[in-house]
Amino acid sequence: MNTKRFQGTPLSVLDLAPINEGSTAAESFKNSVDLAQHVENWGFHRYWLAEHHNMPGIASSATSVIIGHIASATNHIRVGSGGIMLPNHATLVIAEQFGTLESLYPGRIDLGIGRAPGSDQATAFALRRTLHSRVEDFPLQLDELQAYFEVNPSARVRSFPGEGLNIPIWLLGSSDYSARLAAAKGLPFSFASHFAPEHTLAALKLYRDNFQPSDVLDKPYAMVGVNIFAADTEERAQWLATSQQQQFLSLRRGEPTQLKPPIDNIDEVWSPFEKAAIERSLDSRSTIIGTPDMVKEKLKSFIDETQADEVIVNSQVFHHEDRLRSYEIVADMME
């Protein structure tokens, strides 16, 4: 592994596979491959993709497929899901898919799972054909999934490939639910601070205070999400960040769009009420915008505050060259 660290902390990449306004999923996938190859060479630790549905600006709906595509185009960086929304799927199917991925790319695949639908209720129904599943069912699904990776010759249903493979399972969350479950199961935990910053510290405390050692981990391991918009000038970084702000605005209005290009004055687009709501989701602690020196200082403060074992960086930037440059600036800070 060529992993480098920022002040002792490994950094990873969350790619939401953005489809730019006027572009296509095919172009998004080309950009993802190029980004993955660059960040692998720059020393980032993981490259994760997230399951979303019915969202015209995100191309990673068939998450397992794009994970395989990225893994095939890289050499050693870990590739995984941030995450698979388990209630959308039969657990056997996920075990088989990730068993296949791990068989193709041994020692490189992560399986991060969440319990949200990754979309709206109508889309959840289209995926599941029922909305009868309950929150209480998620731990049972997790147990089923873990069982498929164990060797059990007496089981009536077994996962081939999958059985006997060591595929790290992570729990993902944006509230305290998955923090509690990850602690009880002794699993690594990834918190979505990049869109739920107000719950970050409470969820991490719950996870660490209640952690039960397991065969997987003997102590808690928390990865925390952060948005970074880094550029050579503060003005350009602020300008680049308006693409993500517009994306959050479209979601808030219930009108998801492709990722829009940056604009000069975001205040012309949103109301004061919308601005306040979006700034709560993209607050200055977990959304870092600025020059290399500014980003370095703010990222250090973020790690000091969260005591993150690892940080996963999302950079929802419209222009691919600017996106590469943002990650390159962060890479230059790593040792």
C-alpha atoms as a PDB file:
ATOM      1  CA  MET A   1       0.000   0.000   0.000  1.00  0.00           C
ATOM      2  CA  ASN A   2       1.129   3.534  -0.815  1.00  0.00           C
ATOM      3  CA  THR A   3      -1.035   5.183   1.874  1.00  0.00           C
ATOM      4  CA  LYS A   4       0.179   8.521   3.187  1.00  0.00           C
ATOM      5  CA  ARG A   5      -1.171  10.386   6.205  1.00  0.00           C
ATOM      6  CA  PHE A   6      -2.182  13.878   7.199  1.00  0.00           C
ATOM      7  CA  GLN A   7      -0.645  14.450  10.630  1.00  0.00           C
ATOM      8  CA  GLY A   8      -0.913  10.723  11.343  1.00  0.00           C
ATOM      9  CA  THR A   9      -4.435  10.275   9.940  1.00  0.00           C
ATOM     10  CA  PRO A  10      -5.107   8.391   6.682  1.00  0.00           C
ATOM     11  CA  LEU A  11      -7.308  10.208   4.174  1.00  0.00           C
ATOM     12  CA  SER A  12      -9.762   8.561   1.789  1.00  0.00           C
ATOM     13  CA  VAL A  13     -12.060   9.641  -1.031  1.00  0.00           C
ATOM     14  CA  LEU A  14     -15.858   9.619  -1.298  1.00  0.00           C
ATOM     15  CA  ASP A  15     -16.936   9.873  -4.931  1.00  0.00           C
ATOM     16  CA  LEU A  16     -20.619  10.652  -5.522  1.00  0.00           C
ATOM     17  CA  ALA A  17     -19.995  10.118  -9.262  1.00  0.00           C
ATOM     18  CA  PRO A  18     -21.509  13.481 -10.213  1.00  0.00           C
ATOM     19  CA  ILE A  19     -23.252  13.868 -13.552  1.00  0.00           C
ATOM     20  CA  ASN A  20     -22.618  17.440 -14.622  1.00  0.00           C
ATOM     21  CA  GLU A  21     -25.298  19.557 -16.218  1.00  0.00           C
ATOM     22  CA  GLY A  22     -25.345  18.731 -19.921  1.00  0.00           C
ATOM     23  CA  SER A  23     -23.159  15.642 -19.442  1.00  0.00           C
ATOM     24  CA  THR A  24     -23.791  11.887 -19.130  1.00  0.00           C
ATOM     25  CA  ALA A  25     -23.156   8.990 -16.767  1.00  0.00           C
ATOM     26  CA  ALA A  26     -20.557   7.703 -19.233  1.00  0.00           C
ATOM     27  CA  GLU A  27     -18.531  10.893 -18.781  1.00  0.00           C
ATOM     28  CA  SER A  28     -18.980  10.675 -15.009  1.00  0.00           C
ATOM     29  CA  PHE A  29     -17.505   7.173 -14.969  1.00  0.00           C
ATOM     30  CA  LYS A  30     -14.514   8.286 -17.053  1.00  0.00           C
ATOM     31  CA  ASN A  31     -13.897  11.090 -14.576  1.00  0.00           C
ATOM     32  CA  SER A  32     -14.199   8.677 -11.641  1.00  0.00           C
ATOM     33  CA  VAL A  33     -11.585   6.359 -13.119  1.00  0.00           C
ATOM     34  CA  ASP A  34      -9.234   9.278 -13.721  1.00  0.00           C
ATOM     35  CA  LEU A  35      -9.768  10.611 -10.198  1.00  0.00           C
ATOM     36  CA  ALA A  36      -9.249   7.163  -8.660  1.00  0.00           C
ATOM     37  CA  GLN A  37      -5.977   6.687 -10.527  1.00  0.00           C
ATOM     38  CA  HIS A  38      -4.736  10.096  -9.417  1.00  0.00           C
ATOM     39  CA  VAL A  39      -5.656   9.733  -5.741  1.00  0.00           C
ATOM     40  CA  GLU A  40      -4.150   6.244  -5.639  1.00  0.00           C
ATOM     41  CA  ASN A  41      -0.845   7.701  -6.820  1.00  0.00           C
ATOM     42  CA  TRP A  42      -1.182  10.585  -4.346  1.00  0.00           C
ATOM     43  CA  GLY A  43      -1.450   8.225  -1.366  1.00  0.00           C
ATOM     44  CA  PHE A  44      -5.145   8.223  -0.422  1.00  0.00           C
ATOM     45  CA  HIS A  45      -6.224   5.058   1.412  1.00  0.00           C
ATOM     46  CA  ARG A  46      -9.718   4.176   0.124  1.00  0.00           C
ATOM     47  CA  TYR A  47     -12.034   5.104  -2.714  1.00  0.00           C
ATOM     48  CA  TRP A  48     -15.716   4.727  -1.850  1.00  0.00           C
ATOM     49  CA  LEU A  49     -18.871   5.130  -3.934  1.00  0.00           C
ATOM     50  CA  ALA A  50     -22.395   5.584  -2.630  1.00  0.00           C
ATOM     51  CA  GLU A  51     -25.746   4.096  -3.587  1.00  0.00           C
ATOM     52  CA  HIS A  52     -28.333   6.681  -4.635  1.00  0.00           C
ATOM     53  CA  HIS A  53     -31.411   6.250  -6.817  1.00  0.00           C
ATOM     54  CA  ASN A  54     -33.682   8.488  -8.880  1.00  0.00           C
ATOM     55  CA  MET A  55     -31.111  11.302  -8.690  1.00  0.00           C
ATOM     56  CA  PRO A  56     -30.148  12.755 -12.080  1.00  0.00           C
ATOM     57  CA  GLY A  57     -26.880  14.167 -10.726  1.00  0.00           C
ATOM     58  CA  ILE A  58     -25.434  10.939  -9.244  1.00  0.00           C
ATOM     59  CA  ALA A  59     -24.313   8.033 -11.457  1.00  0.00           C
ATOM     60  CA  SER A  60     -23.455   5.377  -8.847  1.00  0.00           C
ATOM     61  CA  SER A  61     -26.869   3.683  -8.496  1.00  0.00           C
ATOM     62  CA  ALA A  62     -25.451   0.272  -9.536  1.00  0.00           C
ATOM     63  CA  THR A  63     -22.813   0.632  -6.855  1.00  0.00           C
ATOM     64  CA  SER A  64     -21.277  -2.850  -7.015  1.00  0.00           C
ATOM     65  CA  VAL A  65     -20.772  -2.522 -10.769  1.00  0.00           C
ATOM     66  CA  ILE A  66     -18.931   0.798 -10.557  1.00  0.00           C
ATOM     67  CA  ILE A  67     -16.820  -0.488  -7.632  1.00  0.00           C
ATOM     68  CA  GLY A  68     -15.608  -3.291  -9.882  1.00  0.00           C
ATOM     69  CA  HIS A  69     -14.919  -0.823 -12.681  1.00  0.00           C
ATOM     70  CA  ILE A  70     -12.807   1.396 -10.408  1.00  0.00           C
ATOM     71  CA  ALA A  71     -10.968  -1.565  -8.881  1.00  0.00           C
ATOM     72  CA  SER A  72     -10.098  -2.860 -12.366  1.00  0.00           C
ATOM     73  CA  ALA A  73      -8.569   0.507 -13.306  1.00  0.00           C
ATOM     74  CA  THR A  74      -6.415   0.837 -10.157  1.00  0.00           C
ATOM     75  CA  ASN A  75      -3.735  -1.283  -8.515  1.00  0.00           C
ATOM     76  CA  HIS A  76      -3.736  -1.147  -4.738  1.00  0.00           C
ATOM     77  CA  ILE A  77      -6.142   1.464  -3.330  1.00  0.00           C
ATOM     78  CA  ARG A  78      -9.032  -0.067  -1.366  1.00  0.00           C
ATOM     79  CA  VAL A  79     -12.371   0.333  -3.181  1.00  0.00           C
ATOM     80  CA  GLY A  80     -15.763   0.025  -1.563  1.00  0.00           C
ATOM     81  CA  SER A  81     -19.234   1.268  -0.817  1.00  0.00           C
ATOM     82  CA  GLY A  82     -20.044   4.320   1.196  1.00  0.00           C
ATOM     83  CA  GLY A  83     -22.470   2.757   1.160  1.00  0.00           C
ATOM     84  CA  ILE A  84     -24.805   0.000   0.074  1.00  0.00           C
ATOM     85  CA  MET A  85     -28.317   0.666   1.424  1.00  0.00           C
ATOM     86  CA  LEU A  86     -28.995  -2.827   2.734  1.00  0.00           C
ATOM     87  CA  PRO A  87     -32.818  -2.612   3.077  1.00  0.00           C
ATOM     88  CA  ASN A  88     -32.989  -2.142  -0.706  1.00  0.00           C
ATOM     89  CA  HIS A  89     -31.501  -5.595  -1.336  1.00  0.00           C
ATOM     90  CA  ALA A  90     -31.665  -9.268  -0.495  1.00  0.00           C
ATOM     91  CA  THR A  91     -28.677  -9.892   1.763  1.00  0.00           C
ATOM     92  CA  LEU A  92     -27.678 -12.956  -0.265  1.00  0.00           C
ATOM     93  CA  VAL A  93     -27.365 -10.816  -3.403  1.00  0.00           C
ATOM     94  CA  ILE A  94     -25.035  -8.350  -1.627  1.00  0.00           C
ATOM     95  CA  ALA A  95     -22.971 -11.221  -0.197  1.00  0.00           C
ATOM     96  CA  GLU A  96     -22.601 -12.706  -3.685  1.00  0.00           C
ATOM     97  CA  GLN A  97     -21.784  -9.361  -5.305  1.00  0.00           C
ATOM     98  CA  PHE A  98     -19.120  -8.457  -2.768  1.00  0.00           C
ATOM     99  CA  GLY A  99     -17.850 -12.028  -2.664  1.00  0.00           C
ATOM    100  CA  THR A 100     -17.354 -11.693  -6.412  1.00  0.00           C
ATOM    101  CA  LEU A 101     -15.592  -8.344  -6.044  1.00  0.00           C
ATOM    102  CA  GLU A 102     -13.291  -9.665  -3.303  1.00  0.00           C
ATOM    103  CA  SER A 103     -12.495 -12.737  -5.431  1.00  0.00           C
ATOM    104  CA  LEU A 104     -11.566 -10.511  -8.363  1.00  0.00           C
ATOM    105  CA  TYR A 105      -9.640  -7.905  -6.303  1.00  0.00           C
ATOM    106  CA  PRO A 106      -8.471  -9.736  -3.157  1.00  0.00           C
ATOM    107  CA  GLY A 107      -7.669  -7.641  -0.113  1.00  0.00           C
ATOM    108  CA  ARG A 108      -9.010  -4.431  -1.650  1.00  0.00           C
ATOM    109  CA  ILE A 109     -12.799  -4.440  -1.157  1.00  0.00           C
ATOM    110  CA  ASP A 110     -14.780  -2.706   1.627  1.00  0.00           C
ATOM    111  CA  LEU A 111     -18.492  -3.194   2.263  1.00  0.00           C
ATOM    112  CA  GLY A 112     -19.979  -0.134   3.919  1.00  0.00           C
ATOM    113  CA  ILE A 113     -23.702  -0.447   4.584  1.00  0.00           C
ATOM    114  CA  GLY A 114     -26.479   1.890   5.656  1.00  0.00           C
ATOM    115  CA  ARG A 115     -30.175   1.568   6.434  1.00  0.00           C
ATOM    116  CA  ALA A 116     -31.607   4.586   4.563  1.00  0.00           C
ATOM    117  CA  PRO A 117     -33.226   4.057   1.134  1.00  0.00           C
ATOM    118  CA  GLY A 118     -30.839   6.444  -0.625  1.00  0.00           C
ATOM    119  CA  SER A 119     -33.839   8.072  -2.270  1.00  0.00           C
ATOM    120  CA  ASP A 120     -37.520   8.918  -1.797  1.00  0.00           C
ATOM    121  CA  GLN A 121     -40.322   6.602  -0.685  1.00  0.00           C
ATOM    122  CA  ALA A 122     -41.671   5.986  -4.202  1.00  0.00           C
ATOM    123  CA  THR A 123     -38.221   4.918  -5.372  1.00  0.00           C
ATOM    124  CA  ALA A 124     -37.758   2.755  -2.276  1.00  0.00           C
ATOM    125  CA  PHE A 125     -41.009   0.974  -3.185  1.00  0.00           C
ATOM    126  CA  ALA A 126     -39.812   0.496  -6.770  1.00  0.00           C
ATOM    127  CA  LEU A 127     -36.604  -1.078  -5.448  1.00  0.00           C
ATOM    128  CA  ARG A 128     -38.125  -3.270  -2.749  1.00  0.00           C
ATOM    129  CA  ARG A 129     -41.734  -3.793  -3.955  1.00  0.00           C
ATOM    130  CA  THR A 130     -42.762  -3.239  -0.348  1.00  0.00           C
ATOM    131  CA  LEU A 131     -42.337  -0.658   2.390  1.00  0.00           C
ATOM    132  CA  HIS A 132     -43.114  -3.115   5.182  1.00  0.00           C
ATOM    133  CA  SER A 133     -39.503  -3.363   6.362  1.00  0.00           C
ATOM    134  CA  ARG A 134     -38.880  -1.738   9.723  1.00  0.00           C
ATOM    135  CA  VAL A 135     -35.871  -0.114  11.346  1.00  0.00           C
ATOM    136  CA  GLU A 136     -35.817  -3.083  13.706  1.00  0.00           C
ATOM    137  CA  ASP A 137     -35.142  -5.385  10.732  1.00  0.00           C
ATOM    138  CA  PHE A 138     -31.773  -3.815   9.924  1.00  0.00           C
ATOM    139  CA  PRO A 139     -29.766  -5.612  12.659  1.00  0.00           C
ATOM    140  CA  LEU A 140     -31.268  -8.910  11.466  1.00  0.00           C
ATOM    141  CA  GLN A 141     -30.201  -8.123   7.914  1.00  0.00           C
ATOM    142  CA  LEU A 142     -26.717  -7.359   9.166  1.00  0.00           C
ATOM    143  CA  ASP A 143     -26.606 -10.694  11.007  1.00  0.00           C
ATOM    144  CA  GLU A 144     -27.706 -12.484   7.834  1.00  0.00           C
ATOM    145  CA  LEU A 145     -25.045 -10.724   5.777  1.00  0.00           C
ATOM    146  CA  GLN A 146     -22.277 -11.577   8.223  1.00  0.00           C
ATOM    147  CA  ALA A 147     -23.441 -15.206   8.318  1.00  0.00           C
ATOM    148  CA  TYR A 148     -23.113 -15.535   4.537  1.00  0.00           C
ATOM    149  CA  PHE A 149     -19.401 -14.719   4.801  1.00  0.00           C
ATOM    150  CA  GLU A 150     -18.855 -17.425   7.431  1.00  0.00           C
ATOM    151  CA  VAL A 151     -18.096 -21.047   6.536  1.00  0.00           C
ATOM    152  CA  ASN A 152     -21.144 -23.068   7.521  1.00  0.00           C
ATOM    153  CA  PRO A 153     -21.529 -26.376   5.608  1.00  0.00           C
ATOM    154  CA  SER A 154     -24.841 -27.081   7.364  1.00  0.00           C
ATOM    155  CA  ALA A 155     -26.522 -23.850   6.178  1.00  0.00           C
ATOM    156  CA  ARG A 156     -29.351 -24.402   3.708  1.00  0.00           C
ATOM    157  CA  VAL A 157     -28.419 -21.257   1.756  1.00  0.00           C
ATOM    158  CA  ARG A 158     -24.771 -20.327   1.223  1.00  0.00           C
ATOM    159  CA  SER A 159     -23.045 -17.511  -0.692  1.00  0.00           C
ATOM    160  CA  PHE A 160     -20.744 -18.620  -3.505  1.00  0.00           C
ATOM    161  CA  PRO A 161     -18.575 -16.639  -3.899  1.00  0.00           C
ATOM    162  CA  GLY A 162     -18.574 -14.951  -0.509  1.00  0.00           C
ATOM    163  CA  GLU A 163     -18.332 -17.737   2.031  1.00  0.00           C
ATOM    164  CA  GLY A 164     -15.042 -17.728   3.900  1.00  0.00           C
ATOM    165  CA  LEU A 165     -13.868 -14.388   2.525  1.00  0.00           C
ATOM    166  CA  ASN A 166     -12.632 -11.607   4.763  1.00  0.00           C
ATOM    167  CA  ILE A 167     -14.551  -8.559   3.541  1.00  0.00           C
ATOM    168  CA  PRO A 168     -14.531  -5.671   6.032  1.00  0.00           C
ATOM    169  CA  ILE A 169     -18.080  -4.577   6.898  1.00  0.00           C
ATOM    170  CA  TRP A 170     -18.535  -0.956   7.975  1.00  0.00           C
ATOM    171  CA  LEU A 171     -21.663   0.640   9.363  1.00  0.00           C
ATOM    172  CA  LEU A 172     -22.499   4.088   8.021  1.00  0.00           C
ATOM    173  CA  GLY A 173     -24.651   6.639   9.751  1.00  0.00           C
ATOM    174  CA  SER A 174     -25.849  10.223   9.997  1.00  0.00           C
ATOM    175  CA  SER A 175     -27.483   9.816  13.431  1.00  0.00           C
ATOM    176  CA  ASP A 176     -26.966   7.768  16.566  1.00  0.00           C
ATOM    177  CA  TYR A 177     -28.689   4.561  15.370  1.00  0.00           C
ATOM    178  CA  SER A 178     -25.808   3.048  13.406  1.00  0.00           C
ATOM    179  CA  ALA A 179     -23.343   4.374  15.989  1.00  0.00           C
ATOM    180  CA  ARG A 180     -25.018   2.224  18.645  1.00  0.00           C
ATOM    181  CA  LEU A 181     -25.249  -0.806  16.359  1.00  0.00           C
ATOM    182  CA  ALA A 182     -21.625  -0.523  15.210  1.00  0.00           C
ATOM    183  CA  ALA A 183     -20.547  -0.303  18.852  1.00  0.00           C
ATOM    184  CA  ALA A 184     -22.609  -3.337  19.845  1.00  0.00           C
ATOM    185  CA  LYS A 185     -21.299  -5.401  16.915  1.00  0.00           C
ATOM    186  CA  GLY A 186     -17.670  -4.261  17.281  1.00  0.00           C
ATOM    187  CA  LEU A 187     -17.547  -2.950  13.695  1.00  0.00           C
ATOM    188  CA  PRO A 188     -15.817   0.077  12.173  1.00  0.00           C
ATOM    189  CA  PHE A 189     -18.085   3.104  11.876  1.00  0.00           C
ATOM    190  CA  SER A 190     -18.211   5.872   9.287  1.00  0.00           C
ATOM    191  CA  PHE A 191     -20.173   9.014  10.115  1.00  0.00           C
ATOM    192  CA  ALA A 192     -21.603  11.335   7.455  1.00  0.00           C
ATOM    193  CA  SER A 193     -20.390  14.575   8.987  1.00  0.00           C
ATOM    194  CA  HIS A 194     -20.243  16.047   5.475  1.00  0.00           C
ATOM    195  CA  PHE A 195     -24.041  16.482   5.537  1.00  0.00           C
ATOM    196  CA  ALA A 196     -25.042  15.906   9.193  1.00  0.00           C
ATOM    197  CA  PRO A 197     -22.432  17.875  11.137  1.00  0.00           C
ATOM    198  CA  GLU A 198     -24.662  18.734  14.089  1.00  0.00           C
ATOM    199  CA  HIS A 199     -24.864  15.049  15.117  1.00  0.00           C
ATOM    200  CA  THR A 200     -21.199  14.184  14.601  1.00  0.00           C
ATOM    201  CA  LEU A 201     -19.692  14.496  18.066  1.00  0.00           C
ATOM    202  CA  ALA A 202     -22.662  12.897  19.848  1.00  0.00           C
ATOM    203  CA  ALA A 203     -22.665   9.895  17.489  1.00  0.00           C
ATOM    204  CA  LEU A 204     -18.909   9.394  17.798  1.00  0.00           C
ATOM    205  CA  LYS A 205     -19.135   9.553  21.591  1.00  0.00           C
ATOM    206  CA  LEU A 206     -21.925   6.968  21.623  1.00  0.00           C
ATOM    207  CA  TYR A 207     -19.882   4.690  19.388  1.00  0.00           C
ATOM    208  CA  ARG A 208     -16.706   4.954  21.439  1.00  0.00           C
ATOM    209  CA  ASP A 209     -18.346   4.801  24.870  1.00  0.00           C
ATOM    210  CA  ASN A 210     -20.381   1.695  24.019  1.00  0.00           C
ATOM    211  CA  PHE A 211     -17.903  -0.185  21.817  1.00  0.00           C
ATOM    212  CA  GLN A 212     -17.708  -3.941  22.407  1.00  0.00           C
ATOM    213  CA  PRO A 213     -14.523  -5.650  21.143  1.00  0.00           C
ATOM    214  CA  SER A 214     -15.122  -8.284  18.466  1.00  0.00           C
ATOM    215  CA  ASP A 215     -13.232 -10.667  16.202  1.00  0.00           C
ATOM    216  CA  VAL A 216     -13.080  -7.761  13.755  1.00  0.00           C
ATOM    217  CA  LEU A 217     -11.853  -4.947  16.022  1.00  0.00           C
ATOM    218  CA  ASP A 218     -10.425  -4.767  19.525  1.00  0.00           C
ATOM    219  CA  LYS A 219     -11.046  -1.027  19.805  1.00  0.00           C
ATOM    220  CA  PRO A 220     -13.293   1.510  18.029  1.00  0.00           C
ATOM    221  CA  TYR A 221     -12.326   2.806  14.603  1.00  0.00           C
ATOM    222  CA  ALA A 222     -14.201   5.839  13.280  1.00  0.00           C
ATOM    223  CA  MET A 223     -13.939   7.393   9.847  1.00  0.00           C
ATOM    224  CA  VAL A 224     -15.574  10.810   9.477  1.00  0.00           C
ATOM    225  CA  GLY A 225     -16.734  12.537   6.285  1.00  0.00           C
ATOM    226  CA  VAL A 226     -15.748  16.059   5.318  1.00  0.00           C
ATOM    227  CA  ASN A 227     -16.331  18.271   2.262  1.00  0.00           C
ATOM    228  CA  ILE A 228     -13.230  20.004   0.925  1.00  0.00           C
ATOM    229  CA  PHE A 229     -13.101  22.689  -1.754  1.00  0.00           C
ATOM    230  CA  ALA A 230      -9.449  23.601  -2.119  1.00  0.00           C
ATOM    231  CA  ALA A 231      -8.072  26.012  -4.705  1.00  0.00           C
ATOM    232  CA  ASP A 232      -5.108  28.303  -5.150  1.00  0.00           C
ATOM    233  CA  THR A 233      -7.203  31.307  -4.137  1.00  0.00           C
ATOM    234  CA  GLU A 234      -9.979  31.613  -1.575  1.00  0.00           C
ATOM    235  CA  GLU A 235     -12.207  33.327  -4.114  1.00  0.00           C
ATOM    236  CA  ARG A 236     -11.997  30.381  -6.512  1.00  0.00           C
ATOM    237  CA  ALA A 237     -12.586  27.853  -3.729  1.00  0.00           C
ATOM    238  CA  GLN A 238     -15.738  29.710  -2.642  1.00  0.00           C
ATOM    239  CA  TRP A 239     -16.882  29.817  -6.262  1.00  0.00           C
ATOM    240  CA  LEU A 240     -16.337  26.062  -6.718  1.00  0.00           C
ATOM    241  CA  ALA A 241     -18.383  25.329  -3.582  1.00  0.00           C
ATOM    242  CA  THR A 242     -21.499  26.879  -5.124  1.00  0.00           C
ATOM    243  CA  SER A 243     -22.070  23.725  -7.200  1.00  0.00           C
ATOM    244  CA  GLN A 244     -22.629  21.662  -4.063  1.00  0.00           C
ATOM    245  CA  GLN A 245     -24.709  24.442  -2.507  1.00  0.00           C
ATOM    246  CA  GLN A 246     -26.970  24.413  -5.567  1.00  0.00           C
ATOM    247  CA  GLN A 247     -27.216  20.622  -5.361  1.00  0.00           C
ATOM    248  CA  PHE A 248     -28.363  20.766  -1.734  1.00  0.00           C
ATOM    249  CA  LEU A 249     -30.808  23.521  -2.665  1.00  0.00           C
ATOM    250  CA  SER A 250     -32.363  21.419  -5.425  1.00  0.00           C
ATOM    251  CA  LEU A 251     -32.738  18.478  -3.025  1.00  0.00           C
ATOM    252  CA  ARG A 252     -34.331  20.709  -0.411  1.00  0.00           C
ATOM    253  CA  ARG A 253     -36.836  21.920  -3.009  1.00  0.00           C
ATOM    254  CA  GLY A 254     -37.603  18.316  -4.002  1.00  0.00           C
ATOM    255  CA  GLU A 255     -36.284  18.943  -7.509  1.00  0.00           C
ATOM    256  CA  PRO A 256     -32.953  17.068  -7.825  1.00  0.00           C
ATOM    257  CA  THR A 257     -30.902  18.113 -10.836  1.00  0.00           C
ATOM    258  CA  GLN A 258     -27.626  17.329 -12.499  1.00  0.00           C
ATOM    259  CA  LEU A 259     -24.631  18.997 -10.827  1.00  0.00           C
ATOM    260  CA  LYS A 260     -24.723  22.642 -11.833  1.00  0.00           C
ATOM    261  CA  PRO A 261     -21.716  24.772 -12.757  1.00  0.00           C
ATOM    262  CA  PRO A 262     -20.444  27.291 -10.200  1.00  0.00           C
ATOM    263  CA  ILE A 263     -22.091  30.705 -10.044  1.00  0.00           C
ATOM    264  CA  ASP A 264     -20.790  34.080  -8.959  1.00  0.00           C
ATOM    265  CA  ASN A 265     -23.525  34.958  -6.454  1.00  0.00           C
ATOM    266  CA  ILE A 266     -25.344  32.101  -4.714  1.00  0.00           C
ATOM    267  CA  ASP A 267     -27.450  34.632  -2.773  1.00  0.00           C
ATOM    268  CA  GLU A 268     -29.327  35.381  -5.991  1.00  0.00           C
ATOM    269  CA  VAL A 269     -30.553  31.773  -6.062  1.00  0.00           C
ATOM    270  CA  TRP A 270     -31.645  30.879  -2.523  1.00  0.00           C
ATOM    271  CA  SER A 271     -33.851  32.573   0.031  1.00  0.00           C
ATOM    272  CA  PRO A 272     -32.492  33.546   3.476  1.00  0.00           C
ATOM    273  CA  PHE A 273     -34.430  30.627   4.993  1.00  0.00           C
ATOM    274  CA  GLU A 274     -32.980  28.160   2.466  1.00  0.00           C
ATOM    275  CA  LYS A 275     -29.497  29.584   2.992  1.00  0.00           C
ATOM    276  CA  ALA A 276     -29.721  29.071   6.758  1.00  0.00           C
ATOM    277  CA  ALA A 277     -30.961  25.483   6.367  1.00  0.00           C
ATOM    278  CA  ILE A 278     -28.260  24.510   3.876  1.00  0.00           C
ATOM    279  CA  GLU A 279     -25.522  26.160   5.909  1.00  0.00           C
ATOM    280  CA  ARG A 280     -26.575  23.964   8.840  1.00  0.00           C
ATOM    281  CA  SER A 281     -25.904  20.917   6.655  1.00  0.00           C
ATOM    282  CA  LEU A 282     -22.713  22.373   5.194  1.00  0.00           C
ATOM    283  CA  ASP A 283     -21.292  24.135   8.223  1.00  0.00           C
ATOM    284  CA  SER A 284     -17.759  25.511   8.292  1.00  0.00           C
ATOM    285  CA  ARG A 285     -16.380  22.685  10.442  1.00  0.00           C
ATOM    286  CA  SER A 286     -17.257  19.837   8.094  1.00  0.00           C
ATOM    287  CA  THR A 287     -17.258  21.819   4.827  1.00  0.00           C
ATOM    288  CA  ILE A 288     -13.768  23.218   4.376  1.00  0.00           C
ATOM    289  CA  ILE A 289     -13.291  25.894   1.720  1.00  0.00           C
ATOM    290  CA  GLY A 290     -10.143  27.845   0.938  1.00  0.00           C
ATOM    291  CA  THR A 291      -6.488  28.010  -0.004  1.00  0.00           C
ATOM    292  CA  PRO A 292      -3.975  25.269   0.859  1.00  0.00           C
ATOM    293  CA  ASP A 293      -3.004  26.975   4.126  1.00  0.00           C
ATOM    294  CA  MET A 294      -6.650  27.501   5.104  1.00  0.00           C
ATOM    295  CA  VAL A 295      -7.582  23.907   4.298  1.00  0.00           C
ATOM    296  CA  LYS A 296      -4.624  22.546   6.239  1.00  0.00           C
ATOM    297  CA  GLU A 297      -5.544  24.535   9.340  1.00  0.00           C
ATOM    298  CA  LYS A 298      -9.250  23.684   9.174  1.00  0.00           C
ATOM    299  CA  LEU A 299      -8.643  19.984   8.482  1.00  0.00           C
ATOM    300  CA  LYS A 300      -6.316  19.789  11.473  1.00  0.00           C
ATOM    301  CA  SER A 301      -8.996  21.414  13.650  1.00  0.00           C
ATOM    302  CA  PHE A 302     -11.613  18.978  12.318  1.00  0.00           C
ATOM    303  CA  ILE A 303      -9.459  15.963  13.210  1.00  0.00           C
ATOM    304  CA  ASP A 304      -8.582  17.406  16.607  1.00  0.00           C
ATOM    305  CA  GLU A 305     -12.278  17.961  17.371  1.00  0.00           C
ATOM    306  CA  THR A 306     -13.564  14.588  16.141  1.00  0.00           C
ATOM    307  CA  GLN A 307     -10.479  12.489  17.006  1.00  0.00           C
ATOM    308  CA  ALA A 308     -11.172  10.693  13.720  1.00  0.00           C
ATOM    309  CA  ASP A 309      -9.122   7.581  13.024  1.00  0.00           C
ATOM    310  CA  GLU A 310      -9.574   8.295   9.316  1.00  0.00           C
ATOM    311  CA  VAL A 311     -11.149  11.066   7.242  1.00  0.00           C
ATOM    312  CA  ILE A 312     -13.043  10.521   3.994  1.00  0.00           C
ATOM    313  CA  VAL A 313     -13.087  13.538   1.695  1.00  0.00           C
ATOM    314  CA  ASN A 314     -15.928  14.504  -0.629  1.00  0.00           C
ATOM    315  CA  SER A 315     -15.235  17.211  -3.224  1.00  0.00           C
ATOM    316  CA  GLN A 316     -18.386  17.823  -5.246  1.00  0.00           C
ATOM    317  CA  VAL A 317     -16.720  20.049  -7.837  1.00  0.00           C
ATOM    318  CA  PHE A 318     -18.172  20.687 -11.305  1.00  0.00           C
ATOM    319  CA  HIS A 319     -15.046  20.984 -13.457  1.00  0.00           C
ATOM    320  CA  HIS A 320     -12.970  17.811 -13.430  1.00  0.00           C
ATOM    321  CA  GLU A 321      -9.678  19.712 -13.529  1.00  0.00           C
ATOM    322  CA  ASP A 322     -10.705  21.746 -10.475  1.00  0.00           C
ATOM    323  CA  ARG A 323     -11.765  18.569  -8.692  1.00  0.00           C
ATOM    324  CA  LEU A 324      -8.390  16.968  -9.356  1.00  0.00           C
ATOM    325  CA  ARG A 325      -6.642  20.115  -8.178  1.00  0.00           C
ATOM    326  CA  SER A 326      -8.659  20.161  -4.936  1.00  0.00           C
ATOM    327  CA  TYR A 327      -7.580  16.604  -4.105  1.00  0.00           C
ATOM    328  CA  GLU A 328      -4.010  17.335  -5.202  1.00  0.00           C
ATOM    329  CA  ILE A 329      -3.829  20.241  -2.739  1.00  0.00           C
ATOM    330  CA  VAL A 330      -4.975  17.909   0.049  1.00  0.00           C
ATOM    331  CA  ALA A 331      -2.506  15.242  -1.091  1.00  0.00           C
ATOM    332  CA  ASP A 332       0.355  17.732  -0.866  1.00  0.00           C
ATOM    333  CA  MET A 333      -0.391  18.052   2.864  1.00  0.00           C
ATOM    334  CA  MET A 334       0.095  14.337   3.503  1.00  0.00           C
ATOM    335  CA  GLU A 335       3.319  12.751   4.680  1.00  0.00           C
END
